[in-house]
Amino acid sequence: MNPADTYFGDNHSFNWTIWNETRSYFGSDTISLLEAARARAVRLKSAAAINPQYKSSENGVQGTLLESAFYLVVFEDGAEARTEWVHIMFGGVLV
């Protein structure tokens, strides 16, 4: 497991394990606000489950929601973000 958290020594490298967990919630050509929120909530829950020092303030959680809002706005195609574009931004071409 590579949790990419300061507690584990590396919070700055791209983490494929985390990204693959997150993108597993994006099951179609576009990502809805609900899918993005669900993926983010699961990610926060996963971080809390494996990191004994995990803590996040309400402001911190809202900050992570803004990260999701960013790609939803930037890659918007109608009311949703194109999954392929989000994947390219975070990790590469979809296979």
PDB file of N, CA and C in Angstrom:
ATOM      1  N   MET A   1       0.843  -1.177   0.000  1.00  0.00           N
ATOM      2  CA  MET A   1       0.000   0.000   0.000  1.00  0.00           C
ATOM      3  C   MET A   1       0.883   1.232   0.000  1.00  0.00           C
ATOM      4  N   ASN A   2       0.512   2.194  -0.798  1.00  0.00           N
ATOM      5  CA  ASN A   2       1.250   3.443  -0.891  1.00  0.00           C
ATOM      6  C   ASN A   2       0.267   4.588  -0.647  1.00  0.00           C
ATOM      7  N   PRO A   3       0.044   4.952   0.608  1.00  0.00           N
ATOM      8  CA  PRO A   3      -1.013   5.904   0.922  1.00  0.00           C
ATOM      9  C   PRO A   3      -0.710   7.359   0.608  1.00  0.00           C
ATOM     10  N   ALA A   4       0.538   7.717   0.289  1.00  0.00           N
ATOM     11  CA  ALA A   4       0.908   9.084  -0.075  1.00  0.00           C
ATOM     12  C   ALA A   4       0.361  10.103   0.914  1.00  0.00           C
ATOM     13  N   ASP A   5       0.843  10.018   2.101  1.00  0.00           N
ATOM     14  CA  ASP A   5       0.417  10.896   3.169  1.00  0.00           C
ATOM     15  C   ASP A   5       1.667  11.306   3.934  1.00  0.00           C
ATOM     16  N   THR A   6       1.687  12.494   4.490  1.00  0.00           N
ATOM     17  CA  THR A   6       2.843  12.949   5.257  1.00  0.00           C
ATOM     18  C   THR A   6       3.198  11.954   6.346  1.00  0.00           C
ATOM     19  N   TYR A   7       2.220  11.372   6.981  1.00  0.00           N
ATOM     20  CA  TYR A   7       2.457  10.389   8.039  1.00  0.00           C
ATOM     21  C   TYR A   7       3.324   9.236   7.544  1.00  0.00           C
ATOM     22  N   PHE A   8       3.136   8.844   6.280  1.00  0.00           N
ATOM     23  CA  PHE A   8       3.871   7.730   5.711  1.00  0.00           C
ATOM     24  C   PHE A   8       5.127   8.171   4.956  1.00  0.00           C
ATOM     25  N   GLY A   9       5.419   9.471   4.951  1.00  0.00           N
ATOM     26  CA  GLY A   9       6.670   9.969   4.405  1.00  0.00           C
ATOM     27  C   GLY A   9       6.640  10.572   3.017  1.00  0.00           C
ATOM     28  N   ASP A  10       5.527  10.511   2.307  1.00  0.00           N
ATOM     29  CA  ASP A  10       5.514  11.057   0.948  1.00  0.00           C
ATOM     30  C   ASP A  10       4.119  11.557   0.602  1.00  0.00           C
ATOM     31  N   ASN A  11       3.941  12.841   0.691  1.00  0.00           N
ATOM     32  CA  ASN A  11       2.641  13.416   0.337  1.00  0.00           C
ATOM     33  C   ASN A  11       2.723  14.255  -0.934  1.00  0.00           C
ATOM     34  N   HIS A  12       3.825  14.118  -1.686  1.00  0.00           N
ATOM     35  CA  HIS A  12       3.989  14.960  -2.862  1.00  0.00           C
ATOM     36  C   HIS A  12       4.119  14.184  -4.177  1.00  0.00           C
ATOM     37  N   SER A  13       4.359  12.900  -4.119  1.00  0.00           N
ATOM     38  CA  SER A  13       4.467  12.104  -5.349  1.00  0.00           C
ATOM     39  C   SER A  13       3.089  11.644  -5.800  1.00  0.00           C
ATOM     40  N   PHE A  14       2.910  11.555  -7.117  1.00  0.00           N
ATOM     41  CA  PHE A  14       1.647  11.048  -7.635  1.00  0.00           C
ATOM     42  C   PHE A  14       1.487   9.603  -7.197  1.00  0.00           C
ATOM     43  N   ASN A  15       0.310   9.256  -6.729  1.00  0.00           N
ATOM     44  CA  ASN A  15       0.071   7.927  -6.186  1.00  0.00           C
ATOM     45  C   ASN A  15      -0.977   7.199  -7.024  1.00  0.00           C
ATOM     46  N   TRP A  16      -0.536   6.203  -7.776  1.00  0.00           N
ATOM     47  CA  TRP A  16      -1.441   5.452  -8.651  1.00  0.00           C
ATOM     48  C   TRP A  16      -2.472   4.654  -7.877  1.00  0.00           C
ATOM     49  N   THR A  17      -2.121   4.154  -6.715  1.00  0.00           N
ATOM     50  CA  THR A  17      -3.070   3.381  -5.906  1.00  0.00           C
ATOM     51  C   THR A  17      -4.253   4.267  -5.515  1.00  0.00           C
ATOM     52  N   ILE A  18      -3.952   5.452  -5.027  1.00  0.00           N
ATOM     53  CA  ILE A  18      -5.015   6.382  -4.636  1.00  0.00           C
ATOM     54  C   ILE A  18      -5.821   6.810  -5.854  1.00  0.00           C
ATOM     55  N   TRP A  19      -5.132   7.140  -6.942  1.00  0.00           N
ATOM     56  CA  TRP A  19      -5.850   7.577  -8.140  1.00  0.00           C
ATOM     57  C   TRP A  19      -6.765   6.469  -8.658  1.00  0.00           C
ATOM     58  N   ASN A  20      -6.275   5.232  -8.688  1.00  0.00           N
ATOM     59  CA  ASN A  20      -7.110   4.132  -9.178  1.00  0.00           C
ATOM     60  C   ASN A  20      -8.320   3.904  -8.288  1.00  0.00           C
ATOM     61  N   GLU A  21      -8.154   4.077  -6.981  1.00  0.00           N
ATOM     62  CA  GLU A  21      -9.314   3.986  -6.078  1.00  0.00           C
ATOM     63  C   GLU A  21     -10.318   5.081  -6.421  1.00  0.00           C
ATOM     64  N   THR A  22      -9.831   6.289  -6.597  1.00  0.00           N
ATOM     65  CA  THR A  22     -10.707   7.428  -6.889  1.00  0.00           C
ATOM     66  C   THR A  22     -11.412   7.250  -8.222  1.00  0.00           C
ATOM     67  N   ARG A  23     -10.665   6.921  -9.252  1.00  0.00           N
ATOM     68  CA  ARG A  23     -11.286   6.843 -10.581  1.00  0.00           C
ATOM     69  C   ARG A  23     -12.222   5.655 -10.727  1.00  0.00           C
ATOM     70  N   SER A  24     -12.165   4.700  -9.802  1.00  0.00           N
ATOM     71  CA  SER A  24     -13.104   3.580  -9.861  1.00  0.00           C
ATOM     72  C   SER A  24     -14.544   4.052  -9.654  1.00  0.00           C
ATOM     73  N   TYR A  25     -14.718   5.256  -9.149  1.00  0.00           N
ATOM     74  CA  TYR A  25     -16.055   5.823  -8.954  1.00  0.00           C
ATOM     75  C   TYR A  25     -16.552   6.568 -10.187  1.00  0.00           C
ATOM     76  N   PHE A  26     -15.708   6.659 -11.208  1.00  0.00           N
ATOM     77  CA  PHE A  26     -16.068   7.352 -12.440  1.00  0.00           C
ATOM     78  C   PHE A  26     -16.356   6.306 -13.505  1.00  0.00           C
ATOM     79  N   GLY A  27     -17.607   5.875 -13.588  1.00  0.00           N
ATOM     80  CA  GLY A  27     -17.947   4.732 -14.424  1.00  0.00           C
ATOM     81  C   GLY A  27     -18.451   5.038 -15.815  1.00  0.00           C
ATOM     82  N   SER A  28     -18.499   6.298 -16.202  1.00  0.00           N
ATOM     83  CA  SER A  28     -18.997   6.598 -17.542  1.00  0.00           C
ATOM     84  C   SER A  28     -18.085   7.633 -18.206  1.00  0.00           C
ATOM     85  N   ASP A  29     -18.516   8.141 -19.335  1.00  0.00           N
ATOM     86  CA  ASP A  29     -17.710   9.109 -20.088  1.00  0.00           C
ATOM     87  C   ASP A  29     -17.626  10.470 -19.417  1.00  0.00           C
ATOM     88  N   THR A  30     -18.536  10.718 -18.481  1.00  0.00           N
ATOM     89  CA  THR A  30     -18.529  11.987 -17.768  1.00  0.00           C
ATOM     90  C   THR A  30     -18.624  11.755 -16.258  1.00  0.00           C
ATOM     91  N   ILE A  31     -18.200  12.755 -15.505  1.00  0.00           N
ATOM     92  CA  ILE A  31     -18.221  12.684 -14.045  1.00  0.00           C
ATOM     93  C   ILE A  31     -19.217  13.719 -13.541  1.00  0.00           C
ATOM     94  N   SER A  32     -20.208  13.258 -12.831  1.00  0.00           N
ATOM     95  CA  SER A  32     -21.198  14.161 -12.261  1.00  0.00           C
ATOM     96  C   SER A  32     -20.694  14.718 -10.927  1.00  0.00           C
ATOM     97  N   LEU A  33     -21.345  15.733 -10.459  1.00  0.00           N
ATOM     98  CA  LEU A  33     -21.020  16.292  -9.151  1.00  0.00           C
ATOM     99  C   LEU A  33     -21.175  15.223  -8.067  1.00  0.00           C
ATOM    100  N   LEU A  34     -22.218  14.421  -8.157  1.00  0.00           N
ATOM    101  CA  LEU A  34     -22.448  13.358  -7.179  1.00  0.00           C
ATOM    102  C   LEU A  34     -21.313  12.323  -7.198  1.00  0.00           C
ATOM    103  N   GLU A  35     -20.876  11.907  -8.385  1.00  0.00           N
ATOM    104  CA  GLU A  35     -19.772  10.954  -8.478  1.00  0.00           C
ATOM    105  C   GLU A  35     -18.483  11.534  -7.904  1.00  0.00           C
ATOM    106  N   ALA A  36     -18.201  12.797  -8.206  1.00  0.00           N
ATOM    107  CA  ALA A  36     -16.994  13.446  -7.691  1.00  0.00           C
ATOM    108  C   ALA A  36     -17.049  13.546  -6.172  1.00  0.00           C
ATOM    109  N   ALA A  37     -18.198  13.910  -5.633  1.00  0.00           N
ATOM    110  CA  ALA A  37     -18.359  14.018  -4.179  1.00  0.00           C
ATOM    111  C   ALA A  37     -18.218  12.655  -3.518  1.00  0.00           C
ATOM    112  N   ARG A  38     -18.785  11.629  -4.121  1.00  0.00           N
ATOM    113  CA  ARG A  38     -18.692  10.275  -3.568  1.00  0.00           C
ATOM    114  C   ARG A  38     -17.235   9.798  -3.568  1.00  0.00           C
ATOM    115  N   ALA A  39     -16.534  10.013  -4.662  1.00  0.00           N
ATOM    116  CA  ALA A  39     -15.125   9.606  -4.748  1.00  0.00           C
ATOM    117  C   ALA A  39     -14.287  10.340  -3.707  1.00  0.00           C
ATOM    118  N   ARG A  40     -14.551  11.615  -3.514  1.00  0.00           N
ATOM    119  CA  ARG A  40     -13.800  12.403  -2.530  1.00  0.00           C
ATOM    120  C   ARG A  40     -14.106  11.914  -1.120  1.00  0.00           C
ATOM    121  N   ALA A  41     -15.368  11.652  -0.822  1.00  0.00           N
ATOM    122  CA  ALA A  41     -15.746  11.182   0.519  1.00  0.00           C
ATOM    123  C   ALA A  41     -15.092   9.844   0.839  1.00  0.00           C
ATOM    124  N   VAL A  42     -15.067   8.936  -0.128  1.00  0.00           N
ATOM    125  CA  VAL A  42     -14.428   7.635   0.083  1.00  0.00           C
ATOM    126  C   VAL A  42     -12.931   7.814   0.290  1.00  0.00           C
ATOM    127  N   ARG A  43     -12.330   8.734  -0.465  1.00  0.00           N
ATOM    128  CA  ARG A  43     -10.888   8.981  -0.317  1.00  0.00           C
ATOM    129  C   ARG A  43     -10.568   9.479   1.085  1.00  0.00           C
ATOM    130  N   LEU A  44     -11.361  10.403   1.607  1.00  0.00           N
ATOM    131  CA  LEU A  44     -11.139  10.928   2.958  1.00  0.00           C
ATOM    132  C   LEU A  44     -11.328   9.822   3.998  1.00  0.00           C
ATOM    133  N   LYS A  45     -12.332   8.979   3.791  1.00  0.00           N
ATOM    134  CA  LYS A  45     -12.572   7.867   4.702  1.00  0.00           C
ATOM    135  C   LYS A  45     -11.410   6.872   4.665  1.00  0.00           C
ATOM    136  N   SER A  46     -10.874   6.593   3.485  1.00  0.00           N
ATOM    137  CA  SER A  46      -9.728   5.687   3.347  1.00  0.00           C
ATOM    138  C   SER A  46      -8.507   6.250   4.064  1.00  0.00           C
ATOM    139  N   ALA A  47      -8.265   7.543   3.892  1.00  0.00           N
ATOM    140  CA  ALA A  47      -7.121   8.180   4.549  1.00  0.00           C
ATOM    141  C   ALA A  47      -7.245   8.076   6.059  1.00  0.00           C
ATOM    142  N   ALA A  48      -8.443   8.329   6.567  1.00  0.00           N
ATOM    143  CA  ALA A  48      -8.663   8.252   8.013  1.00  0.00           C
ATOM    144  C   ALA A  48      -8.504   6.823   8.533  1.00  0.00           C
ATOM    145  N   ALA A  49      -8.861   5.838   7.726  1.00  0.00           N
ATOM    146  CA  ALA A  49      -8.802   4.441   8.161  1.00  0.00           C
ATOM    147  C   ALA A  49      -7.371   3.921   8.274  1.00  0.00           C
ATOM    148  N   ILE A  50      -6.453   4.430   7.464  1.00  0.00           N
ATOM    149  CA  ILE A  50      -5.091   3.900   7.476  1.00  0.00           C
ATOM    150  C   ILE A  50      -4.089   4.785   8.196  1.00  0.00           C
ATOM    151  N   ASN A  51      -4.455   6.017   8.482  1.00  0.00           N
ATOM    152  CA  ASN A  51      -3.522   6.942   9.122  1.00  0.00           C
ATOM    153  C   ASN A  51      -3.975   7.207  10.553  1.00  0.00           C
ATOM    154  N   PRO A  52      -3.254   6.718  11.547  1.00  0.00           N
ATOM    155  CA  PRO A  52      -3.674   6.902  12.933  1.00  0.00           C
ATOM    156  C   PRO A  52      -3.621   8.361  13.390  1.00  0.00           C
ATOM    157  N   GLN A  53      -2.939   9.214  12.634  1.00  0.00           N
ATOM    158  CA  GLN A  53      -2.865  10.629  12.999  1.00  0.00           C
ATOM    159  C   GLN A  53      -3.737  11.505  12.105  1.00  0.00           C
ATOM    160  N   TYR A  54      -4.587  10.881  11.316  1.00  0.00           N
ATOM    161  CA  TYR A  54      -5.429  11.639  10.398  1.00  0.00           C
ATOM    162  C   TYR A  54      -6.344  12.586  11.160  1.00  0.00           C
ATOM    163  N   LYS A  55      -6.394  13.785  10.699  1.00  0.00           N
ATOM    164  CA  LYS A  55      -7.371  14.752  11.205  1.00  0.00           C
ATOM    165  C   LYS A  55      -7.585  15.779  10.116  1.00  0.00           C
ATOM    166  N   SER A  56      -8.764  16.261  10.030  1.00  0.00           N
ATOM    167  CA  SER A  56      -9.079  17.276   9.049  1.00  0.00           C
ATOM    168  C   SER A  56     -10.159  18.177   9.609  1.00  0.00           C
ATOM    169  N   SER A  57      -9.889  19.446   9.538  1.00  0.00           N
ATOM    170  CA  SER A  57     -10.881  20.420   9.997  1.00  0.00           C
ATOM    171  C   SER A  57     -11.978  20.539   8.943  1.00  0.00           C
ATOM    172  N   GLU A  58     -13.041  21.188   9.311  1.00  0.00           N
ATOM    173  CA  GLU A  58     -14.117  21.422   8.345  1.00  0.00           C
ATOM    174  C   GLU A  58     -13.584  22.231   7.172  1.00  0.00           C
ATOM    175  N   ASN A  59     -12.719  23.201   7.440  1.00  0.00           N
ATOM    176  CA  ASN A  59     -12.119  23.988   6.359  1.00  0.00           C
ATOM    177  C   ASN A  59     -11.251  23.111   5.459  1.00  0.00           C
ATOM    178  N   GLY A  60     -10.528  22.166   6.061  1.00  0.00           N
ATOM    179  CA  GLY A  60      -9.706  21.260   5.272  1.00  0.00           C
ATOM    180  C   GLY A  60     -10.529  20.394   4.353  1.00  0.00           C
ATOM    181  N   VAL A  61     -11.631  19.880   4.856  1.00  0.00           N
ATOM    182  CA  VAL A  61     -12.521  19.060   4.037  1.00  0.00           C
ATOM    183  C   VAL A  61     -13.109  19.903   2.909  1.00  0.00           C
ATOM    184  N   GLN A  62     -13.514  21.122   3.224  1.00  0.00           N
ATOM    185  CA  GLN A  62     -14.068  21.984   2.185  1.00  0.00           C
ATOM    186  C   GLN A  62     -13.019  22.310   1.130  1.00  0.00           C
ATOM    187  N   GLY A  63     -11.761  22.428   1.558  1.00  0.00           N
ATOM    188  CA  GLY A  63     -10.681  22.656   0.597  1.00  0.00           C
ATOM    189  C   GLY A  63     -10.548  21.511  -0.386  1.00  0.00           C
ATOM    190  N   THR A  64     -10.702  20.284   0.101  1.00  0.00           N
ATOM    191  CA  THR A  64     -10.601  19.147  -0.807  1.00  0.00           C
ATOM    192  C   THR A  64     -11.790  19.116  -1.770  1.00  0.00           C
ATOM    193  N   LEU A  65     -12.929  19.588  -1.312  1.00  0.00           N
ATOM    194  CA  LEU A  65     -14.087  19.656  -2.209  1.00  0.00           C
ATOM    195  C   LEU A  65     -13.856  20.680  -3.311  1.00  0.00           C
ATOM    196  N   LEU A  66     -13.137  21.747  -2.986  1.00  0.00           N
ATOM    197  CA  LEU A  66     -12.801  22.739  -4.003  1.00  0.00           C
ATOM    198  C   LEU A  66     -11.887  22.148  -5.075  1.00  0.00           C
ATOM    199  N   GLU A  67     -11.018  21.223  -4.686  1.00  0.00           N
ATOM    200  CA  GLU A  67     -10.170  20.544  -5.671  1.00  0.00           C
ATOM    201  C   GLU A  67     -11.035  19.799  -6.685  1.00  0.00           C
ATOM    202  N   SER A  68     -12.044  19.114  -6.210  1.00  0.00           N
ATOM    203  CA  SER A  68     -12.944  18.404  -7.118  1.00  0.00           C
ATOM    204  C   SER A  68     -13.741  19.388  -7.965  1.00  0.00           C
ATOM    205  N   ALA A  69     -14.185  20.460  -7.346  1.00  0.00           N
ATOM    206  CA  ALA A  69     -14.936  21.477  -8.092  1.00  0.00           C
ATOM    207  C   ALA A  69     -14.088  22.058  -9.212  1.00  0.00           C
ATOM    208  N   PHE A  70     -12.788  22.184  -8.965  1.00  0.00           N
ATOM    209  CA  PHE A  70     -11.891  22.736  -9.975  1.00  0.00           C
ATOM    210  C   PHE A  70     -11.945  21.919 -11.264  1.00  0.00           C
ATOM    211  N   TYR A  71     -11.753  20.605 -11.175  1.00  0.00           N
ATOM    212  CA  TYR A  71     -11.757  19.836 -12.417  1.00  0.00           C
ATOM    213  C   TYR A  71     -13.146  19.734 -13.020  1.00  0.00           C
ATOM    214  N   LEU A  72     -14.177  19.797 -12.196  1.00  0.00           N
ATOM    215  CA  LEU A  72     -15.532  19.769 -12.745  1.00  0.00           C
ATOM    216  C   LEU A  72     -15.813  21.021 -13.571  1.00  0.00           C
ATOM    217  N   VAL A  73     -15.294  22.156 -13.133  1.00  0.00           N
ATOM    218  CA  VAL A  73     -15.496  23.412 -13.871  1.00  0.00           C
ATOM    219  C   VAL A  73     -14.587  23.467 -15.103  1.00  0.00           C
ATOM    220  N   VAL A  74     -13.315  23.132 -14.921  1.00  0.00           N
ATOM    221  CA  VAL A  74     -12.353  23.237 -16.019  1.00  0.00           C
ATOM    222  C   VAL A  74     -12.688  22.286 -17.163  1.00  0.00           C
ATOM    223  N   PHE A  75     -13.085  21.069 -16.842  1.00  0.00           N
ATOM    224  CA  PHE A  75     -13.340  20.067 -17.870  1.00  0.00           C
ATOM    225  C   PHE A  75     -14.827  19.836 -18.117  1.00  0.00           C
ATOM    226  N   GLU A  76     -15.625  20.831 -17.826  1.00  0.00           N
ATOM    227  CA  GLU A  76     -17.077  20.695 -17.978  1.00  0.00           C
ATOM    228  C   GLU A  76     -17.459  20.452 -19.429  1.00  0.00           C
ATOM    229  N   ASP A  77     -18.344  19.515 -19.601  1.00  0.00           N
ATOM    230  CA  ASP A  77     -18.946  19.204 -20.897  1.00  0.00           C
ATOM    231  C   ASP A  77     -20.441  19.083 -20.632  1.00  0.00           C
ATOM    232  N   GLY A  78     -21.139  20.189 -20.701  1.00  0.00           N
ATOM    233  CA  GLY A  78     -22.518  20.223 -20.244  1.00  0.00           C
ATOM    234  C   GLY A  78     -22.487  20.462 -18.748  1.00  0.00           C
ATOM    235  N   ALA A  79     -23.144  19.617 -17.986  1.00  0.00           N
ATOM    236  CA  ALA A  79     -23.163  19.766 -16.531  1.00  0.00           C
ATOM    237  C   ALA A  79     -22.166  18.839 -15.840  1.00  0.00           C
ATOM    238  N   GLU A  80     -21.387  18.103 -16.617  1.00  0.00           N
ATOM    239  CA  GLU A  80     -20.461  17.132 -16.047  1.00  0.00           C
ATOM    240  C   GLU A  80     -19.088  17.287 -16.690  1.00  0.00           C
ATOM    241  N   ALA A  81     -18.070  16.735 -16.031  1.00  0.00           N
ATOM    242  CA  ALA A  81     -16.708  16.781 -16.564  1.00  0.00           C
ATOM    243  C   ALA A  81     -16.434  15.527 -17.386  1.00  0.00           C
ATOM    244  N   ARG A  82     -15.696  15.683 -18.458  1.00  0.00           N
ATOM    245  CA  ARG A  82     -15.325  14.523 -19.272  1.00  0.00           C
ATOM    246  C   ARG A  82     -14.285  13.692 -18.516  1.00  0.00           C
ATOM    247  N   THR A  83     -14.607  12.436 -18.282  1.00  0.00           N
ATOM    248  CA  THR A  83     -13.749  11.535 -17.512  1.00  0.00           C
ATOM    249  C   THR A  83     -12.353  11.436 -18.121  1.00  0.00           C
ATOM    250  N   GLU A  84     -12.261  11.318 -19.419  1.00  0.00           N
ATOM    251  CA  GLU A  84     -10.962  11.185 -20.075  1.00  0.00           C
ATOM    252  C   GLU A  84     -10.075  12.394 -19.784  1.00  0.00           C
ATOM    253  N   TRP A  85     -10.628  13.587 -19.828  1.00  0.00           N
ATOM    254  CA  TRP A  85      -9.842  14.794 -19.595  1.00  0.00           C
ATOM    255  C   TRP A  85      -9.346  14.853 -18.153  1.00  0.00           C
ATOM    256  N   VAL A  86     -10.215  14.471 -17.221  1.00  0.00           N
ATOM    257  CA  VAL A  86      -9.814  14.457 -15.802  1.00  0.00           C
ATOM    258  C   VAL A  86      -8.703  13.437 -15.595  1.00  0.00           C
ATOM    259  N   HIS A  87      -8.852  12.278 -16.200  1.00  0.00           N
ATOM    260  CA  HIS A  87      -7.829  11.244 -16.049  1.00  0.00           C
ATOM    261  C   HIS A  87      -6.495  11.712 -16.618  1.00  0.00           C
ATOM    262  N   ILE A  88      -6.505  12.359 -17.771  1.00  0.00           N
ATOM    263  CA  ILE A  88      -5.264  12.859 -18.360  1.00  0.00           C
ATOM    264  C   ILE A  88      -4.619  13.878 -17.433  1.00  0.00           C
ATOM    265  N   MET A  89      -5.409  14.743 -16.845  1.00  0.00           N
ATOM    266  CA  MET A  89      -4.863  15.734 -15.908  1.00  0.00           C
ATOM    267  C   MET A  89      -4.167  15.062 -14.735  1.00  0.00           C
ATOM    268  N   PHE A  90      -4.748  14.003 -14.196  1.00  0.00           N
ATOM    269  CA  PHE A  90      -4.201  13.382 -12.996  1.00  0.00           C
ATOM    270  C   PHE A  90      -3.219  12.253 -13.251  1.00  0.00           C
ATOM    271  N   GLY A  91      -3.382  11.535 -14.357  1.00  0.00           N
ATOM    272  CA  GLY A  91      -2.525  10.371 -14.437  1.00  0.00           C
ATOM    273  C   GLY A  91      -2.146   9.855 -15.804  1.00  0.00           C
ATOM    274  N   GLY A  92      -2.801  10.254 -16.826  1.00  0.00           N
ATOM    275  CA  GLY A  92      -2.451   9.739 -18.140  1.00  0.00           C
ATOM    276  C   GLY A  92      -3.674   9.320 -18.917  1.00  0.00           C
ATOM    277  N   VAL A  93      -3.439   8.698 -20.011  1.00  0.00           N
ATOM    278  CA  VAL A  93      -4.520   8.317 -20.932  1.00  0.00           C
ATOM    279  C   VAL A  93      -5.261   7.104 -20.372  1.00  0.00           C
ATOM    280  N   LEU A  94      -6.567   7.128 -20.491  1.00  0.00           N
ATOM    281  CA  LEU A  94      -7.380   5.977 -20.071  1.00  0.00           C
ATOM    282  C   LEU A  94      -7.062   4.777 -20.951  1.00  0.00           C
ATOM    283  N   VAL A  95      -7.078   3.632 -20.328  1.00  0.00           N
ATOM    284  CA  VAL A  95      -6.863   2.403 -21.102  1.00  0.00           C
ATOM    285  C   VAL A  95      -8.127   1.581 -21.100  1.00  0.00           C
TER     286      VAL A  95
END
